[in-house]
Amino acid sequence: MAEDRFPSATTCKECHPQHYREWSVSPHAYSQMSPVFNAMQATLSQITNGTLGDFCIRCHSPASMALEEPLFTDIEMRHLSSREGTSCIACHRINKAYGKISGRFGINEGDLYGTVYGSEGGTELDRVREDFGLAKAYKETRRTAVHLEAENFFQLPTSGFCGICHDVTLLNGIRLEEAFSEFKTSPAARRGISCQDCHMGTTQGKAIADLFLFRTVCWRAKILVRRSTG
């Protein structure tokens, strides 16, 4: 039943093996299983007499909270999508610009055939349908494991999307994490380099360092041109 609401990353792996491999070795994949995270959450919950609630785990395992699983339970008792931490659905089943809300966001429910959201919308889905010769009738028969709809979500490829979880303010006003705020005032932001440019390379197989160097060179070249033209 949980798979019908929130498909696991292993399900996505069948058609997206490269994306799955990259995700599986990332901190996102271990965000819920991390012993450091679990120990820290337990300590903070004890210090606050339980009033901490789901403040930590709602970012580290959004599917778990959506499935209303207990805050503290054995990992093997959680659904696979919950154990996967911040998985595919945590990004591709969101279509609202929540802003900096310390991880308080909703995930659109649905099985594998549910609508997914990306930077290219239905364009990529149409290409897949054409490449594999999928008839429109597959929407009704559902015999092929392909999303029925894909829509564009404008914020997904921007740094603002990362700010949903990576700018954390405690209830007492203490700013626990300011990754997004720090980025906004960084040289990278001024050069038009996004979080995704460094943490999710836009060119598959191309070193991020090369991309950063290329943009830096272009940025400096523009400055030189401006200075020379007075």
C-alpha atoms as a PDB file:
ATOM      1  CA  MET A   1       0.000   0.000   0.000  1.00  0.00           C
ATOM      2  CA  ALA A   2       2.829   2.422   0.838  1.00  0.00           C
ATOM      3  CA  GLU A   3       4.400   1.804  -2.569  1.00  0.00           C
ATOM      4  CA  ASP A   4       1.130   2.984  -4.131  1.00  0.00           C
ATOM      5  CA  ARG A   5       1.528   6.275  -2.274  1.00  0.00           C
ATOM      6  CA  PHE A   6       5.288   6.829  -2.416  1.00  0.00           C
ATOM      7  CA  PRO A   7       7.312   4.675  -4.869  1.00  0.00           C
ATOM      8  CA  SER A   8      10.789   3.751  -3.660  1.00  0.00           C
ATOM      9  CA  ALA A   9      13.997   4.684  -5.436  1.00  0.00           C
ATOM     10  CA  THR A  10      14.591   1.013  -6.233  1.00  0.00           C
ATOM     11  CA  THR A  11      11.444   1.114  -8.341  1.00  0.00           C
ATOM     12  CA  CYS A  12      12.766   4.157 -10.201  1.00  0.00           C
ATOM     13  CA  LYS A  13      16.071   2.333 -10.720  1.00  0.00           C
ATOM     14  CA  GLU A  14      14.606   0.099 -13.420  1.00  0.00           C
ATOM     15  CA  CYS A  15      14.430   2.977 -15.902  1.00  0.00           C
ATOM     16  CA  HIS A  16      16.908   5.390 -14.310  1.00  0.00           C
ATOM     17  CA  PRO A  17      19.930   3.259 -13.368  1.00  0.00           C
ATOM     18  CA  GLN A  18      22.498   6.055 -13.717  1.00  0.00           C
ATOM     19  CA  HIS A  19      20.470   8.515 -11.669  1.00  0.00           C
ATOM     20  CA  TYR A  20      19.884   5.821  -9.058  1.00  0.00           C
ATOM     21  CA  ARG A  21      23.589   5.000  -8.836  1.00  0.00           C
ATOM     22  CA  GLU A  22      24.529   8.652  -8.324  1.00  0.00           C
ATOM     23  CA  TRP A  23      21.820   9.109  -5.713  1.00  0.00           C
ATOM     24  CA  SER A  24      22.625   5.838  -3.880  1.00  0.00           C
ATOM     25  CA  VAL A  25      26.131   7.025  -2.945  1.00  0.00           C
ATOM     26  CA  SER A  26      25.007  10.500  -1.909  1.00  0.00           C
ATOM     27  CA  PRO A  27      24.318  11.803   1.630  1.00  0.00           C
ATOM     28  CA  HIS A  28      20.641  12.081   0.670  1.00  0.00           C
ATOM     29  CA  ALA A  29      20.396   8.302   0.371  1.00  0.00           C
ATOM     30  CA  TYR A  30      21.674   7.840   3.945  1.00  0.00           C
ATOM     31  CA  SER A  31      19.919  10.791   5.547  1.00  0.00           C
ATOM     32  CA  GLN A  32      17.529   8.591   7.525  1.00  0.00           C
ATOM     33  CA  MET A  33      19.872   5.679   8.260  1.00  0.00           C
ATOM     34  CA  SER A  34      22.749   7.849   9.458  1.00  0.00           C
ATOM     35  CA  PRO A  35      23.664   6.858  13.042  1.00  0.00           C
ATOM     36  CA  VAL A  36      24.850  10.420  13.648  1.00  0.00           C
ATOM     37  CA  PHE A  37      21.469  11.821  12.624  1.00  0.00           C
ATOM     38  CA  ASN A  38      19.514   9.299  14.689  1.00  0.00           C
ATOM     39  CA  ALA A  39      21.665   9.882  17.772  1.00  0.00           C
ATOM     40  CA  MET A  40      21.387  13.650  17.430  1.00  0.00           C
ATOM     41  CA  GLN A  41      17.612  13.540  16.936  1.00  0.00           C
ATOM     42  CA  ALA A  42      17.192  11.295  19.981  1.00  0.00           C
ATOM     43  CA  THR A  43      19.360  13.590  22.109  1.00  0.00           C
ATOM     44  CA  LEU A  44      17.525  16.743  21.048  1.00  0.00           C
ATOM     45  CA  SER A  45      14.173  15.065  21.596  1.00  0.00           C
ATOM     46  CA  GLN A  46      15.221  14.107  25.112  1.00  0.00           C
ATOM     47  CA  ILE A  47      16.522  17.594  25.883  1.00  0.00           C
ATOM     48  CA  THR A  48      13.264  19.177  24.688  1.00  0.00           C
ATOM     49  CA  ASN A  49      11.050  16.584  26.423  1.00  0.00           C
ATOM     50  CA  GLY A  50       9.686  15.445  23.080  1.00  0.00           C
ATOM     51  CA  THR A  51       8.531  18.875  21.947  1.00  0.00           C
ATOM     52  CA  LEU A  52      11.043  18.693  19.084  1.00  0.00           C
ATOM     53  CA  GLY A  53       8.512  16.532  17.252  1.00  0.00           C
ATOM     54  CA  ASP A  54       9.362  15.756  13.628  1.00  0.00           C
ATOM     55  CA  PHE A  55      11.544  18.845  13.185  1.00  0.00           C
ATOM     56  CA  CYS A  56      14.606  16.805  12.165  1.00  0.00           C
ATOM     57  CA  ILE A  57      13.185  13.728  10.506  1.00  0.00           C
ATOM     58  CA  ARG A  58      10.794  15.565   8.215  1.00  0.00           C
ATOM     59  CA  CYS A  59      13.830  16.542   6.113  1.00  0.00           C
ATOM     60  CA  HIS A  60      15.817  13.377   6.646  1.00  0.00           C
ATOM     61  CA  SER A  61      12.903  11.072   5.774  1.00  0.00           C
ATOM     62  CA  PRO A  62       9.932  12.963   4.326  1.00  0.00           C
ATOM     63  CA  ALA A  63       8.156   9.776   3.215  1.00  0.00           C
ATOM     64  CA  SER A  64       8.285   8.431   6.763  1.00  0.00           C
ATOM     65  CA  MET A  65       6.436  11.438   8.131  1.00  0.00           C
ATOM     66  CA  ALA A  66       3.958  11.411   5.244  1.00  0.00           C
ATOM     67  CA  LEU A  67       3.232   7.764   6.067  1.00  0.00           C
ATOM     68  CA  GLU A  68       2.801   8.758   9.737  1.00  0.00           C
ATOM     69  CA  GLU A  69       5.410   6.314  10.967  1.00  0.00           C
ATOM     70  CA  PRO A  70       6.592   6.641  14.585  1.00  0.00           C
ATOM     71  CA  LEU A  71       9.449   9.092  15.077  1.00  0.00           C
ATOM     72  CA  PHE A  72      11.554   6.392  16.684  1.00  0.00           C
ATOM     73  CA  THR A  73      11.334   2.843  15.368  1.00  0.00           C
ATOM     74  CA  ASP A  74      13.657   0.145  14.118  1.00  0.00           C
ATOM     75  CA  ILE A  75      14.902   0.867  10.627  1.00  0.00           C
ATOM     76  CA  GLU A  76      13.805  -2.558   9.357  1.00  0.00           C
ATOM     77  CA  MET A  77      10.259  -1.744  10.461  1.00  0.00           C
ATOM     78  CA  ARG A  78      10.067   1.312   8.240  1.00  0.00           C
ATOM     79  CA  HIS A  79       8.813   1.212   4.661  1.00  0.00           C
ATOM     80  CA  LEU A  80      11.538   1.081   2.012  1.00  0.00           C
ATOM     81  CA  SER A  81      10.715   4.619   0.818  1.00  0.00           C
ATOM     82  CA  SER A  82      11.199   5.829   4.391  1.00  0.00           C
ATOM     83  CA  ARG A  83      14.538   4.081   4.837  1.00  0.00           C
ATOM     84  CA  GLU A  84      15.750   5.677   1.607  1.00  0.00           C
ATOM     85  CA  GLY A  85      15.734   9.080   3.261  1.00  0.00           C
ATOM     86  CA  THR A  86      15.664  11.941   0.784  1.00  0.00           C
ATOM     87  CA  SER A  87      14.886   9.931  -2.334  1.00  0.00           C
ATOM     88  CA  CYS A  88      13.449  10.547  -5.803  1.00  0.00           C
ATOM     89  CA  ILE A  89       9.968  11.434  -4.600  1.00  0.00           C
ATOM     90  CA  ALA A  90      11.320  14.087  -2.218  1.00  0.00           C
ATOM     91  CA  CYS A  91      12.158  16.212  -5.267  1.00  0.00           C
ATOM     92  CA  HIS A  92      10.106  14.903  -8.181  1.00  0.00           C
ATOM     93  CA  ARG A  93       6.757  14.759  -6.420  1.00  0.00           C
ATOM     94  CA  ILE A  94       6.735  18.415  -5.358  1.00  0.00           C
ATOM     95  CA  ASN A  95       5.154  21.169  -7.459  1.00  0.00           C
ATOM     96  CA  LYS A  96       4.919  24.083  -5.037  1.00  0.00           C
ATOM     97  CA  ALA A  97       7.501  26.716  -4.188  1.00  0.00           C
ATOM     98  CA  TYR A  98       7.468  26.441  -0.405  1.00  0.00           C
ATOM     99  CA  GLY A  99      10.425  28.686   0.320  1.00  0.00           C
ATOM    100  CA  LYS A 100      12.539  28.500   3.488  1.00  0.00           C
ATOM    101  CA  ILE A 101      10.254  26.473   5.739  1.00  0.00           C
ATOM    102  CA  SER A 102      12.744  24.125   7.421  1.00  0.00           C
ATOM    103  CA  GLY A 103      11.521  21.074   5.561  1.00  0.00           C
ATOM    104  CA  ARG A 104       7.783  21.441   6.139  1.00  0.00           C
ATOM    105  CA  PHE A 105       6.613  20.476   2.662  1.00  0.00           C
ATOM    106  CA  GLY A 106       4.080  18.132   1.134  1.00  0.00           C
ATOM    107  CA  ILE A 107       4.762  15.294  -1.300  1.00  0.00           C
ATOM    108  CA  ASN A 108       2.156  14.543  -3.929  1.00  0.00           C
ATOM    109  CA  GLU A 109       1.025  10.980  -3.436  1.00  0.00           C
ATOM    110  CA  GLY A 110       0.635   8.423  -6.189  1.00  0.00           C
ATOM    111  CA  ASP A 111       2.001   5.146  -7.503  1.00  0.00           C
ATOM    112  CA  LEU A 112       4.617   4.814 -10.229  1.00  0.00           C
ATOM    113  CA  TYR A 113       2.160   6.134 -12.809  1.00  0.00           C
ATOM    114  CA  GLY A 114       1.504   9.315 -10.876  1.00  0.00           C
ATOM    115  CA  THR A 115       2.568  12.693 -12.224  1.00  0.00           C
ATOM    116  CA  VAL A 116       6.233  13.563 -11.760  1.00  0.00           C
ATOM    117  CA  TYR A 117       7.801  17.009 -11.913  1.00  0.00           C
ATOM    118  CA  GLY A 118      11.071  18.038 -13.517  1.00  0.00           C
ATOM    119  CA  SER A 119      12.860  20.834 -15.305  1.00  0.00           C
ATOM    120  CA  GLU A 120      11.818  19.660 -18.780  1.00  0.00           C
ATOM    121  CA  GLY A 121       8.228  18.702 -18.116  1.00  0.00           C
ATOM    122  CA  GLY A 122       6.535  16.471 -20.662  1.00  0.00           C
ATOM    123  CA  THR A 123       9.202  17.000 -23.336  1.00  0.00           C
ATOM    124  CA  GLU A 124      11.439  14.231 -22.008  1.00  0.00           C
ATOM    125  CA  LEU A 125       8.491  11.924 -21.400  1.00  0.00           C
ATOM    126  CA  ASP A 126       7.330  12.369 -24.990  1.00  0.00           C
ATOM    127  CA  ARG A 127      10.820  11.487 -26.203  1.00  0.00           C
ATOM    128  CA  VAL A 128      10.825   8.297 -24.159  1.00  0.00           C
ATOM    129  CA  ARG A 129       7.430   7.322 -25.487  1.00  0.00           C
ATOM    130  CA  GLU A 130       8.602   7.846 -29.052  1.00  0.00           C
ATOM    131  CA  ASP A 131      11.928   6.046 -28.566  1.00  0.00           C
ATOM    132  CA  PHE A 132      10.231   2.983 -27.127  1.00  0.00           C
ATOM    133  CA  GLY A 133       7.259   3.090 -29.472  1.00  0.00           C
ATOM    134  CA  LEU A 134       4.731   3.437 -26.702  1.00  0.00           C
ATOM    135  CA  ALA A 135       1.203   3.935 -27.918  1.00  0.00           C
ATOM    136  CA  LYS A 136      -1.062   6.408 -26.189  1.00  0.00           C
ATOM    137  CA  ALA A 137      -3.209   3.460 -25.170  1.00  0.00           C
ATOM    138  CA  TYR A 138      -0.676   2.526 -22.503  1.00  0.00           C
ATOM    139  CA  LYS A 139      -2.260   5.204 -20.356  1.00  0.00           C
ATOM    140  CA  GLU A 140      -5.352   3.068 -20.081  1.00  0.00           C
ATOM    141  CA  THR A 141      -3.739  -0.372 -19.926  1.00  0.00           C
ATOM    142  CA  ARG A 142      -0.798   0.617 -17.687  1.00  0.00           C
ATOM    143  CA  ARG A 143       1.115  -2.398 -18.958  1.00  0.00           C
ATOM    144  CA  THR A 144       4.303  -0.390 -19.309  1.00  0.00           C
ATOM    145  CA  ALA A 145       6.099   1.039 -16.280  1.00  0.00           C
ATOM    146  CA  VAL A 146       6.221   4.638 -17.515  1.00  0.00           C
ATOM    147  CA  HIS A 147       4.880   7.755 -15.831  1.00  0.00           C
ATOM    148  CA  LEU A 148       1.562   8.827 -17.293  1.00  0.00           C
ATOM    149  CA  GLU A 149       2.325  12.529 -17.006  1.00  0.00           C
ATOM    150  CA  ALA A 150       5.363  14.719 -16.421  1.00  0.00           C
ATOM    151  CA  GLU A 151       5.079  18.431 -15.759  1.00  0.00           C
ATOM    152  CA  ASN A 152       7.518  21.281 -15.490  1.00  0.00           C
ATOM    153  CA  PHE A 153       8.209  22.713 -12.063  1.00  0.00           C
ATOM    154  CA  PHE A 154      10.007  26.018 -12.461  1.00  0.00           C
ATOM    155  CA  GLN A 155      11.755  25.980  -9.086  1.00  0.00           C
ATOM    156  CA  LEU A 156      13.241  22.486  -9.204  1.00  0.00           C
ATOM    157  CA  PRO A 157      16.452  23.389 -11.086  1.00  0.00           C
ATOM    158  CA  THR A 158      17.041  26.520  -8.997  1.00  0.00           C
ATOM    159  CA  SER A 159      18.896  27.016  -5.720  1.00  0.00           C
ATOM    160  CA  GLY A 160      15.652  28.188  -4.138  1.00  0.00           C
ATOM    161  CA  PHE A 161      14.384  24.610  -4.213  1.00  0.00           C
ATOM    162  CA  CYS A 162      17.303  23.478  -2.047  1.00  0.00           C
ATOM    163  CA  GLY A 163      16.450  26.180   0.471  1.00  0.00           C
ATOM    164  CA  ILE A 164      13.356  24.237   1.555  1.00  0.00           C
ATOM    165  CA  CYS A 165      15.556  21.994   3.688  1.00  0.00           C
ATOM    166  CA  HIS A 166      18.949  23.652   3.664  1.00  0.00           C
ATOM    167  CA  ASP A 167      18.030  26.782   5.594  1.00  0.00           C
ATOM    168  CA  VAL A 168      16.931  25.686   9.029  1.00  0.00           C
ATOM    169  CA  THR A 169      15.601  28.017  11.717  1.00  0.00           C
ATOM    170  CA  LEU A 170      14.681  26.594  15.123  1.00  0.00           C
ATOM    171  CA  LEU A 171      11.430  27.505  16.845  1.00  0.00           C
ATOM    172  CA  ASN A 172      13.304  29.811  19.212  1.00  0.00           C
ATOM    173  CA  GLY A 173      14.762  31.739  16.283  1.00  0.00           C
ATOM    174  CA  ILE A 174      18.219  30.171  16.293  1.00  0.00           C
ATOM    175  CA  ARG A 175      19.484  29.726  12.738  1.00  0.00           C
ATOM    176  CA  LEU A 176      20.760  26.142  12.804  1.00  0.00           C
ATOM    177  CA  GLU A 177      21.775  25.919   9.163  1.00  0.00           C
ATOM    178  CA  GLU A 178      22.208  28.721   6.650  1.00  0.00           C
ATOM    179  CA  ALA A 179      23.525  26.943   3.570  1.00  0.00           C
ATOM    180  CA  PHE A 180      21.036  28.622   1.236  1.00  0.00           C
ATOM    181  CA  SER A 181      21.352  32.064   2.832  1.00  0.00           C
ATOM    182  CA  GLU A 182      25.133  31.828   2.674  1.00  0.00           C
ATOM    183  CA  PHE A 183      24.934  30.803  -0.969  1.00  0.00           C
ATOM    184  CA  LYS A 184      22.801  33.830  -1.868  1.00  0.00           C
ATOM    185  CA  THR A 185      25.564  36.170  -0.730  1.00  0.00           C
ATOM    186  CA  SER A 186      28.389  34.127  -2.250  1.00  0.00           C
ATOM    187  CA  PRO A 187      30.545  34.860  -5.326  1.00  0.00           C
ATOM    188  CA  ALA A 188      29.021  31.777  -6.960  1.00  0.00           C
ATOM    189  CA  ALA A 189      25.515  33.234  -6.762  1.00  0.00           C
ATOM    190  CA  ARG A 190      26.737  36.500  -8.258  1.00  0.00           C
ATOM    191  CA  ARG A 191      28.235  34.537 -11.135  1.00  0.00           C
ATOM    192  CA  GLY A 192      24.983  32.722 -11.801  1.00  0.00           C
ATOM    193  CA  ILE A 193      26.220  29.395 -10.468  1.00  0.00           C
ATOM    194  CA  SER A 194      23.501  27.429  -8.692  1.00  0.00           C
ATOM    195  CA  CYS A 195      23.643  24.741  -6.028  1.00  0.00           C
ATOM    196  CA  GLN A 196      22.842  22.181  -8.701  1.00  0.00           C
ATOM    197  CA  ASP A 197      25.789  23.278 -10.860  1.00  0.00           C
ATOM    198  CA  CYS A 198      28.197  22.074  -8.179  1.00  0.00           C
ATOM    199  CA  HIS A 199      26.244  19.305  -6.454  1.00  0.00           C
ATOM    200  CA  MET A 200      24.365  17.919  -9.482  1.00  0.00           C
ATOM    201  CA  GLY A 201      26.450  18.553 -12.587  1.00  0.00           C
ATOM    202  CA  THR A 202      24.397  19.811 -15.518  1.00  0.00           C
ATOM    203  CA  THR A 203      26.606  17.946 -17.995  1.00  0.00           C
ATOM    204  CA  GLN A 204      26.700  14.203 -17.400  1.00  0.00           C
ATOM    205  CA  GLY A 205      30.244  12.905 -17.083  1.00  0.00           C
ATOM    206  CA  LYS A 206      31.785  16.383 -17.005  1.00  0.00           C
ATOM    207  CA  ALA A 207      33.818  17.308 -13.942  1.00  0.00           C
ATOM    208  CA  ILE A 208      32.192  19.978 -11.825  1.00  0.00           C
ATOM    209  CA  ALA A 209      35.558  21.665 -11.364  1.00  0.00           C
ATOM    210  CA  ASP A 210      35.784  22.106 -15.133  1.00  0.00           C
ATOM    211  CA  LEU A 211      32.309  23.629 -15.260  1.00  0.00           C
ATOM    212  CA  PHE A 212      33.096  26.033 -12.418  1.00  0.00           C
ATOM    213  CA  LEU A 213      36.414  26.983 -14.051  1.00  0.00           C
ATOM    214  CA  PHE A 214      34.702  27.567 -17.374  1.00  0.00           C
ATOM    215  CA  ARG A 215      32.099  29.877 -15.865  1.00  0.00           C
ATOM    216  CA  THR A 216      34.744  31.677 -13.833  1.00  0.00           C
ATOM    217  CA  VAL A 217      36.782  32.321 -16.968  1.00  0.00           C
ATOM    218  CA  CYS A 218      33.693  33.610 -18.770  1.00  0.00           C
ATOM    219  CA  TRP A 219      32.800  35.812 -15.812  1.00  0.00           C
ATOM    220  CA  ARG A 220      36.286  37.318 -15.676  1.00  0.00           C
ATOM    221  CA  ALA A 221      36.321  37.783 -19.439  1.00  0.00           C
ATOM    222  CA  LYS A 222      33.117  39.817 -19.230  1.00  0.00           C
ATOM    223  CA  ILE A 223      34.688  42.050 -16.595  1.00  0.00           C
ATOM    224  CA  LEU A 224      37.766  42.613 -18.767  1.00  0.00           C
ATOM    225  CA  VAL A 225      35.560  43.482 -21.744  1.00  0.00           C
ATOM    226  CA  ARG A 226      33.581  45.957 -19.685  1.00  0.00           C
ATOM    227  CA  ARG A 227      36.762  47.600 -18.385  1.00  0.00           C
ATOM    228  CA  SER A 228      38.309  47.825 -21.835  1.00  0.00           C
ATOM    229  CA  THR A 229      35.177  49.393 -23.322  1.00  0.00           C
ATOM    230  CA  GLY A 230      35.074  51.891 -20.474  1.00  0.00           C
END
